[in-house]
Amino acid sequence: MNLEEFKEMALSYPGMVSQPHFDRTDFKITVKRIYGTLHDKSQSANILLSTAERKIFYSIDKAIYPIPNKWAITAGLLSK
């Protein structure tokens, strides 16, 4: 998945908006909590997942891994 495909997919959900968020772009349901962020420079995306979803994604792809904060995963090295 490249950066544009990620943005298109993230914005395809009803009510989803994106805006600058520090050095990232965030994706959230209008006036609700942020569910994902995209960092263009490092080509990585942080995505909020449930505990059950994390276990599934970690077992599928080594590019998806936990990060030490409240975010569930980061999917690094998105292709351009």
PDB file of N, CA and C in Angstrom:
ATOM      1  N   MET A   1       0.851  -1.163   0.000  1.00  0.00           N
ATOM      2  CA  MET A   1       0.000   0.000   0.000  1.00  0.00           C
ATOM      3  C   MET A   1       0.901   1.232   0.000  1.00  0.00           C
ATOM      4  N   ASN A   2       0.622   2.182  -0.845  1.00  0.00           N
ATOM      5  CA  ASN A   2       1.417   3.412  -0.840  1.00  0.00           C
ATOM      6  C   ASN A   2       0.697   4.488  -0.019  1.00  0.00           C
ATOM      7  N   LEU A   3       1.340   5.633   0.130  1.00  0.00           N
ATOM      8  CA  LEU A   3       0.791   6.695   0.973  1.00  0.00           C
ATOM      9  C   LEU A   3      -0.570   7.173   0.496  1.00  0.00           C
ATOM     10  N   GLU A   4      -0.726   7.371  -0.797  1.00  0.00           N
ATOM     11  CA  GLU A   4      -2.003   7.842  -1.329  1.00  0.00           C
ATOM     12  C   GLU A   4      -3.108   6.799  -1.127  1.00  0.00           C
ATOM     13  N   GLU A   5      -2.792   5.529  -1.302  1.00  0.00           N
ATOM     14  CA  GLU A   5      -3.774   4.472  -1.075  1.00  0.00           C
ATOM     15  C   GLU A   5      -4.200   4.425   0.387  1.00  0.00           C
ATOM     16  N   PHE A   6      -3.233   4.623   1.303  1.00  0.00           N
ATOM     17  CA  PHE A   6      -3.580   4.653   2.721  1.00  0.00           C
ATOM     18  C   PHE A   6      -4.527   5.806   3.016  1.00  0.00           C
ATOM     19  N   LYS A   7      -4.205   7.005   2.503  1.00  0.00           N
ATOM     20  CA  LYS A   7      -5.065   8.171   2.730  1.00  0.00           C
ATOM     21  C   LYS A   7      -6.464   7.935   2.166  1.00  0.00           C
ATOM     22  N   GLU A   8      -6.531   7.391   0.958  1.00  0.00           N
ATOM     23  CA  GLU A   8      -7.822   7.125   0.321  1.00  0.00           C
ATOM     24  C   GLU A   8      -8.644   6.129   1.143  1.00  0.00           C
ATOM     25  N   MET A   9      -7.990   5.052   1.613  1.00  0.00           N
ATOM     26  CA  MET A   9      -8.688   4.051   2.410  1.00  0.00           C
ATOM     27  C   MET A   9      -9.177   4.660   3.723  1.00  0.00           C
ATOM     28  N   ALA A  10      -8.299   5.404   4.402  1.00  0.00           N
ATOM     29  CA  ALA A  10      -8.663   6.003   5.687  1.00  0.00           C
ATOM     30  C   ALA A  10      -9.845   6.958   5.546  1.00  0.00           C
ATOM     31  N   LEU A  11      -9.873   7.739   4.480  1.00  0.00           N
ATOM     32  CA  LEU A  11     -10.944   8.715   4.283  1.00  0.00           C
ATOM     33  C   LEU A  11     -12.212   8.116   3.676  1.00  0.00           C
ATOM     34  N   SER A  12     -12.184   6.827   3.338  1.00  0.00           N
ATOM     35  CA  SER A  12     -13.358   6.193   2.727  1.00  0.00           C
ATOM     36  C   SER A  12     -14.454   5.876   3.742  1.00  0.00           C
ATOM     37  N   TYR A  13     -14.137   5.914   5.040  1.00  0.00           N
ATOM     38  CA  TYR A  13     -15.134   5.615   6.071  1.00  0.00           C
ATOM     39  C   TYR A  13     -16.037   6.821   6.283  1.00  0.00           C
ATOM     40  N   PRO A  14     -17.336   6.598   6.457  1.00  0.00           N
ATOM     41  CA  PRO A  14     -18.284   7.707   6.631  1.00  0.00           C
ATOM     42  C   PRO A  14     -17.896   8.610   7.809  1.00  0.00           C
ATOM     43  N   GLY A  15     -17.882   9.914   7.574  1.00  0.00           N
ATOM     44  CA  GLY A  15     -17.597  10.881   8.620  1.00  0.00           C
ATOM     45  C   GLY A  15     -16.134  11.053   8.953  1.00  0.00           C
ATOM     46  N   MET A  16     -15.238  10.375   8.242  1.00  0.00           N
ATOM     47  CA  MET A  16     -13.803  10.464   8.537  1.00  0.00           C
ATOM     48  C   MET A  16     -13.241  11.755   7.957  1.00  0.00           C
ATOM     49  N   VAL A  17     -12.400  12.424   8.724  1.00  0.00           N
ATOM     50  CA  VAL A  17     -11.715  13.633   8.274  1.00  0.00           C
ATOM     51  C   VAL A  17     -10.235  13.488   8.579  1.00  0.00           C
ATOM     52  N   SER A  18      -9.425  14.314   7.951  1.00  0.00           N
ATOM     53  CA  SER A  18      -7.988  14.316   8.238  1.00  0.00           C
ATOM     54  C   SER A  18      -7.548  15.747   8.452  1.00  0.00           C
ATOM     55  N   GLN A  19      -6.510  15.906   9.288  1.00  0.00           N
ATOM     56  CA  GLN A  19      -5.966  17.231   9.559  1.00  0.00           C
ATOM     57  C   GLN A  19      -4.549  17.081  10.077  1.00  0.00           C
ATOM     58  N   PRO A  20      -3.768  18.171  10.075  1.00  0.00           N
ATOM     59  CA  PRO A  20      -2.415  18.097  10.620  1.00  0.00           C
ATOM     60  C   PRO A  20      -2.452  17.736  12.105  1.00  0.00           C
ATOM     61  N   HIS A  21      -1.482  16.938  12.533  1.00  0.00           N
ATOM     62  CA  HIS A  21      -1.377  16.515  13.932  1.00  0.00           C
ATOM     63  C   HIS A  21       0.103  16.415  14.265  1.00  0.00           C
ATOM     64  N   PHE A  22       0.687  17.481  14.815  1.00  0.00           N
ATOM     65  CA  PHE A  22       2.125  17.598  15.042  1.00  0.00           C
ATOM     66  C   PHE A  22       2.845  17.376  13.704  1.00  0.00           C
ATOM     67  N   ASP A  23       3.724  16.370  13.605  1.00  0.00           N
ATOM     68  CA  ASP A  23       4.439  16.126  12.346  1.00  0.00           C
ATOM     69  C   ASP A  23       3.761  15.036  11.522  1.00  0.00           C
ATOM     70  N   ARG A  24       2.516  14.734  11.832  1.00  0.00           N
ATOM     71  CA  ARG A  24       1.751  13.678  11.167  1.00  0.00           C
ATOM     72  C   ARG A  24       0.450  14.247  10.613  1.00  0.00           C
ATOM     73  N   THR A  25      -0.296  13.409   9.941  1.00  0.00           N
ATOM     74  CA  THR A  25      -1.664  13.703   9.545  1.00  0.00           C
ATOM     75  C   THR A  25      -2.550  12.757  10.326  1.00  0.00           C
ATOM     76  N   ASP A  26      -3.591  13.275  10.994  1.00  0.00           N
ATOM     77  CA  ASP A  26      -4.466  12.361  11.711  1.00  0.00           C
ATOM     78  C   ASP A  26      -5.736  12.078  10.921  1.00  0.00           C
ATOM     79  N   PHE A  27      -6.364  10.973  11.263  1.00  0.00           N
ATOM     80  CA  PHE A  27      -7.614  10.547  10.646  1.00  0.00           C
ATOM     81  C   PHE A  27      -8.576  10.243  11.783  1.00  0.00           C
ATOM     82  N   LYS A  28      -9.731  10.933  11.794  1.00  0.00           N
ATOM     83  CA  LYS A  28     -10.690  10.699  12.863  1.00  0.00           C
ATOM     84  C   LYS A  28     -12.102  10.909  12.354  1.00  0.00           C
ATOM     85  N   ILE A  29     -13.027  10.290  13.071  1.00  0.00           N
ATOM     86  CA  ILE A  29     -14.439  10.534  12.794  1.00  0.00           C
ATOM     87  C   ILE A  29     -14.707  11.969  13.233  1.00  0.00           C
ATOM     88  N   THR A  30     -15.453  12.718  12.457  1.00  0.00           N
ATOM     89  CA  THR A  30     -15.702  14.131  12.722  1.00  0.00           C
ATOM     90  C   THR A  30     -15.945  14.381  14.211  1.00  0.00           C
ATOM     91  N   VAL A  31     -15.149  15.272  14.770  1.00  0.00           N
ATOM     92  CA  VAL A  31     -15.158  15.689  16.181  1.00  0.00           C
ATOM     93  C   VAL A  31     -15.127  14.527  17.181  1.00  0.00           C
ATOM     94  N   LYS A  32     -14.516  13.447  16.834  1.00  0.00           N
ATOM     95  CA  LYS A  32     -14.371  12.302  17.743  1.00  0.00           C
ATOM     96  C   LYS A  32     -12.902  12.008  17.942  1.00  0.00           C
ATOM     97  N   ARG A  33     -12.602  10.868  18.478  1.00  0.00           N
ATOM     98  CA  ARG A  33     -11.241  10.452  18.785  1.00  0.00           C
ATOM     99  C   ARG A  33     -10.465  10.088  17.512  1.00  0.00           C
ATOM    100  N   ILE A  34      -9.163  10.258  17.561  1.00  0.00           N
ATOM    101  CA  ILE A  34      -8.284   9.930  16.443  1.00  0.00           C
ATOM    102  C   ILE A  34      -8.093   8.409  16.403  1.00  0.00           C
ATOM    103  N   TYR A  35      -8.222   7.821  15.214  1.00  0.00           N
ATOM    104  CA  TYR A  35      -8.057   6.379  15.033  1.00  0.00           C
ATOM    105  C   TYR A  35      -6.787   6.008  14.296  1.00  0.00           C
ATOM    106  N   GLY A  36      -6.133   6.972  13.695  1.00  0.00           N
ATOM    107  CA  GLY A  36      -4.898   6.677  12.981  1.00  0.00           C
ATOM    108  C   GLY A  36      -4.158   7.953  12.644  1.00  0.00           C
ATOM    109  N   THR A  37      -2.838   7.819  12.485  1.00  0.00           N
ATOM    110  CA  THR A  37      -2.029   8.938  12.024  1.00  0.00           C
ATOM    111  C   THR A  37      -1.078   8.442  10.943  1.00  0.00           C
ATOM    112  N   LEU A  38      -0.694   9.343  10.073  1.00  0.00           N
ATOM    113  CA  LEU A  38       0.205   9.024   8.970  1.00  0.00           C
ATOM    114  C   LEU A  38       1.387   9.981   9.018  1.00  0.00           C
ATOM    115  N   HIS A  39       2.594   9.450   8.963  1.00  0.00           N
ATOM    116  CA  HIS A  39       3.805  10.264   8.957  1.00  0.00           C
ATOM    117  C   HIS A  39       4.452  10.107   7.587  1.00  0.00           C
ATOM    118  N   ASP A  40       4.278  11.114   6.724  1.00  0.00           N
ATOM    119  CA  ASP A  40       4.777  11.036   5.351  1.00  0.00           C
ATOM    120  C   ASP A  40       6.289  10.812   5.289  1.00  0.00           C
ATOM    121  N   LYS A  41       7.041  11.543   6.098  1.00  0.00           N
ATOM    122  CA  LYS A  41       8.500  11.491   6.022  1.00  0.00           C
ATOM    123  C   LYS A  41       9.041  10.080   6.273  1.00  0.00           C
ATOM    124  N   SER A  42       8.532   9.385   7.300  1.00  0.00           N
ATOM    125  CA  SER A  42       9.019   8.030   7.602  1.00  0.00           C
ATOM    126  C   SER A  42       8.184   6.953   6.921  1.00  0.00           C
ATOM    127  N   GLN A  43       7.143   7.385   6.222  1.00  0.00           N
ATOM    128  CA  GLN A  43       6.236   6.459   5.542  1.00  0.00           C
ATOM    129  C   GLN A  43       5.679   5.422   6.513  1.00  0.00           C
ATOM    130  N   SER A  44       5.204   5.887   7.667  1.00  0.00           N
ATOM    131  CA  SER A  44       4.632   4.978   8.651  1.00  0.00           C
ATOM    132  C   SER A  44       3.245   5.464   9.061  1.00  0.00           C
ATOM    133  N   ALA A  45       2.427   4.531   9.482  1.00  0.00           N
ATOM    134  CA  ALA A  45       1.077   4.840   9.942  1.00  0.00           C
ATOM    135  C   ALA A  45       0.872   4.203  11.310  1.00  0.00           C
ATOM    136  N   ASN A  46       0.326   4.962  12.240  1.00  0.00           N
ATOM    137  CA  ASN A  46      -0.044   4.430  13.544  1.00  0.00           C
ATOM    138  C   ASN A  46      -1.559   4.221  13.536  1.00  0.00           C
ATOM    139  N   ILE A  47      -1.987   3.059  13.980  1.00  0.00           N
ATOM    140  CA  ILE A  47      -3.395   2.695  13.912  1.00  0.00           C
ATOM    141  C   ILE A  47      -3.839   2.173  15.270  1.00  0.00           C
ATOM    142  N   LEU A  48      -4.974   2.652  15.759  1.00  0.00           N
ATOM    143  CA  LEU A  48      -5.507   2.213  17.044  1.00  0.00           C
ATOM    144  C   LEU A  48      -6.338   0.948  16.838  1.00  0.00           C
ATOM    145  N   LEU A  49      -5.956  -0.135  17.503  1.00  0.00           N
ATOM    146  CA  LEU A  49      -6.654  -1.417  17.389  1.00  0.00           C
ATOM    147  C   LEU A  49      -6.980  -1.966  18.766  1.00  0.00           C
ATOM    148  N   SER A  50      -7.978  -2.839  18.824  1.00  0.00           N
ATOM    149  CA  SER A  50      -8.295  -3.522  20.077  1.00  0.00           C
ATOM    150  C   SER A  50      -7.217  -4.567  20.370  1.00  0.00           C
ATOM    151  N   THR A  51      -7.213  -5.101  21.580  1.00  0.00           N
ATOM    152  CA  THR A  51      -6.245  -6.136  21.956  1.00  0.00           C
ATOM    153  C   THR A  51      -6.360  -7.339  21.036  1.00  0.00           C
ATOM    154  N   ALA A  52      -7.569  -7.780  20.733  1.00  0.00           N
ATOM    155  CA  ALA A  52      -7.775  -8.938  19.846  1.00  0.00           C
ATOM    156  C   ALA A  52      -7.270  -8.640  18.439  1.00  0.00           C
ATOM    157  N   GLU A  53      -7.548  -7.445  17.931  1.00  0.00           N
ATOM    158  CA  GLU A  53      -7.077  -7.070  16.594  1.00  0.00           C
ATOM    159  C   GLU A  53      -5.556  -7.016  16.541  1.00  0.00           C
ATOM    160  N   ARG A  54      -4.917  -6.504  17.602  1.00  0.00           N
ATOM    161  CA  ARG A  54      -3.457  -6.441  17.644  1.00  0.00           C
ATOM    162  C   ARG A  54      -2.843  -7.823  17.471  1.00  0.00           C
ATOM    163  N   LYS A  55      -3.352  -8.796  18.206  1.00  0.00           N
ATOM    164  CA  LYS A  55      -2.814 -10.158  18.132  1.00  0.00           C
ATOM    165  C   LYS A  55      -2.892 -10.702  16.713  1.00  0.00           C
ATOM    166  N   ILE A  56      -3.989 -10.444  16.032  1.00  0.00           N
ATOM    167  CA  ILE A  56      -4.160 -10.922  14.654  1.00  0.00           C
ATOM    168  C   ILE A  56      -3.141 -10.251  13.734  1.00  0.00           C
ATOM    169  N   PHE A  57      -3.061  -8.915  13.780  1.00  0.00           N
ATOM    170  CA  PHE A  57      -2.166  -8.193  12.881  1.00  0.00           C
ATOM    171  C   PHE A  57      -0.705  -8.497  13.147  1.00  0.00           C
ATOM    172  N   TYR A  58      -0.303  -8.633  14.427  1.00  0.00           N
ATOM    173  CA  TYR A  58       1.098  -8.936  14.737  1.00  0.00           C
ATOM    174  C   TYR A  58       1.508 -10.283  14.160  1.00  0.00           C
ATOM    175  N   SER A  59       0.577 -11.217  14.111  1.00  0.00           N
ATOM    176  CA  SER A  59       0.913 -12.549  13.600  1.00  0.00           C
ATOM    177  C   SER A  59       0.935 -12.601  12.074  1.00  0.00           C
ATOM    178  N   ILE A  60       0.320 -11.642  11.413  1.00  0.00           N
ATOM    179  CA  ILE A  60       0.222 -11.635   9.949  1.00  0.00           C
ATOM    180  C   ILE A  60       1.454 -11.028   9.285  1.00  0.00           C
ATOM    181  N   ASP A  61       1.956  -9.922   9.819  1.00  0.00           N
ATOM    182  CA  ASP A  61       2.973  -9.151   9.109  1.00  0.00           C
ATOM    183  C   ASP A  61       3.981  -8.567  10.101  1.00  0.00           C
ATOM    184  N   LYS A  62       5.261  -8.825   9.883  1.00  0.00           N
ATOM    185  CA  LYS A  62       6.313  -8.322  10.772  1.00  0.00           C
ATOM    186  C   LYS A  62       6.504  -6.807  10.650  1.00  0.00           C
ATOM    187  N   ALA A  63       5.974  -6.178   9.609  1.00  0.00           N
ATOM    188  CA  ALA A  63       6.063  -4.726   9.472  1.00  0.00           C
ATOM    189  C   ALA A  63       5.069  -4.031  10.409  1.00  0.00           C
ATOM    190  N   ILE A  64       4.177  -4.801  11.011  1.00  0.00           N
ATOM    191  CA  ILE A  64       3.203  -4.274  11.956  1.00  0.00           C
ATOM    192  C   ILE A  64       3.629  -4.736  13.340  1.00  0.00           C
ATOM    193  N   TYR A  65       3.877  -3.774  14.232  1.00  0.00           N
ATOM    194  CA  TYR A  65       4.419  -4.136  15.542  1.00  0.00           C
ATOM    195  C   TYR A  65       3.939  -3.136  16.598  1.00  0.00           C
ATOM    196  N   PRO A  66       3.981  -3.530  17.876  1.00  0.00           N
ATOM    197  CA  PRO A  66       3.533  -2.624  18.936  1.00  0.00           C
ATOM    198  C   PRO A  66       4.508  -1.460  19.114  1.00  0.00           C
ATOM    199  N   ILE A  67       3.986  -0.344  19.568  1.00  0.00           N
ATOM    200  CA  ILE A  67       4.827   0.791  19.909  1.00  0.00           C
ATOM    201  C   ILE A  67       4.527   1.183  21.358  1.00  0.00           C
ATOM    202  N   PRO A  68       5.507   1.749  22.066  1.00  0.00           N
ATOM    203  CA  PRO A  68       5.373   1.975  23.508  1.00  0.00           C
ATOM    204  C   PRO A  68       4.583   3.233  23.887  1.00  0.00           C
ATOM    205  N   ASN A  69       3.334   3.282  23.513  1.00  0.00           N
ATOM    206  CA  ASN A  69       2.432   4.340  23.987  1.00  0.00           C
ATOM    207  C   ASN A  69       1.008   3.833  23.826  1.00  0.00           C
ATOM    208  N   LYS A  70       0.039   4.695  23.833  1.00  0.00           N
ATOM    209  CA  LYS A  70      -1.346   4.219  23.777  1.00  0.00           C
ATOM    210  C   LYS A  70      -1.763   3.721  22.401  1.00  0.00           C
ATOM    211  N   TRP A  71      -0.940   3.975  21.382  1.00  0.00           N
ATOM    212  CA  TRP A  71      -1.276   3.505  20.052  1.00  0.00           C
ATOM    213  C   TRP A  71      -0.993   2.018  19.927  1.00  0.00           C
ATOM    214  N   ALA A  72      -1.782   1.345  19.139  1.00  0.00           N
ATOM    215  CA  ALA A  72      -1.701  -0.091  19.033  1.00  0.00           C
ATOM    216  C   ALA A  72      -0.535  -0.568  18.176  1.00  0.00           C
ATOM    217  N   ILE A  73      -0.391  -0.032  16.973  1.00  0.00           N
ATOM    218  CA  ILE A  73       0.634  -0.538  16.069  1.00  0.00           C
ATOM    219  C   ILE A  73       1.189   0.576  15.204  1.00  0.00           C
ATOM    220  N   THR A  74       2.276   0.293  14.581  1.00  0.00           N
ATOM    221  CA  THR A  74       2.744   1.164  13.500  1.00  0.00           C
ATOM    222  C   THR A  74       3.052   0.271  12.306  1.00  0.00           C
ATOM    223  N   ALA A  75       2.584   0.656  11.181  1.00  0.00           N
ATOM    224  CA  ALA A  75       2.872  -0.079   9.958  1.00  0.00           C
ATOM    225  C   ALA A  75       3.930   0.714   9.221  1.00  0.00           C
ATOM    226  N   GLY A  76       5.162   0.307   9.349  1.00  0.00           N
ATOM    227  CA  GLY A  76       6.263   1.067   8.783  1.00  0.00           C
ATOM    228  C   GLY A  76       6.533   0.707   7.328  1.00  0.00           C
ATOM    229  N   LEU A  77       7.300   1.552   6.704  1.00  0.00           N
ATOM    230  CA  LEU A  77       7.791   1.319   5.351  1.00  0.00           C
ATOM    231  C   LEU A  77       6.681   1.119   4.327  1.00  0.00           C
ATOM    232  N   LEU A  78       5.718   2.002   4.325  1.00  0.00           N
ATOM    233  CA  LEU A  78       4.714   1.981   3.262  1.00  0.00           C
ATOM    234  C   LEU A  78       5.427   2.339   1.963  1.00  0.00           C
ATOM    235  N   SER A  79       5.096   1.680   0.884  1.00  0.00           N
ATOM    236  CA  SER A  79       5.750   1.994  -0.385  1.00  0.00           C
ATOM    237  C   SER A  79       5.167   3.236  -0.997  1.00  0.00           C
ATOM    238  N   LYS A  80       5.949   3.925  -1.809  1.00  0.00           N
ATOM    239  CA  LYS A  80       5.472   5.148  -2.475  1.00  0.00           C
ATOM    240  C   LYS A  80       4.761   4.817  -3.750  1.00  0.00           C
TER     241      LYS A  80
END
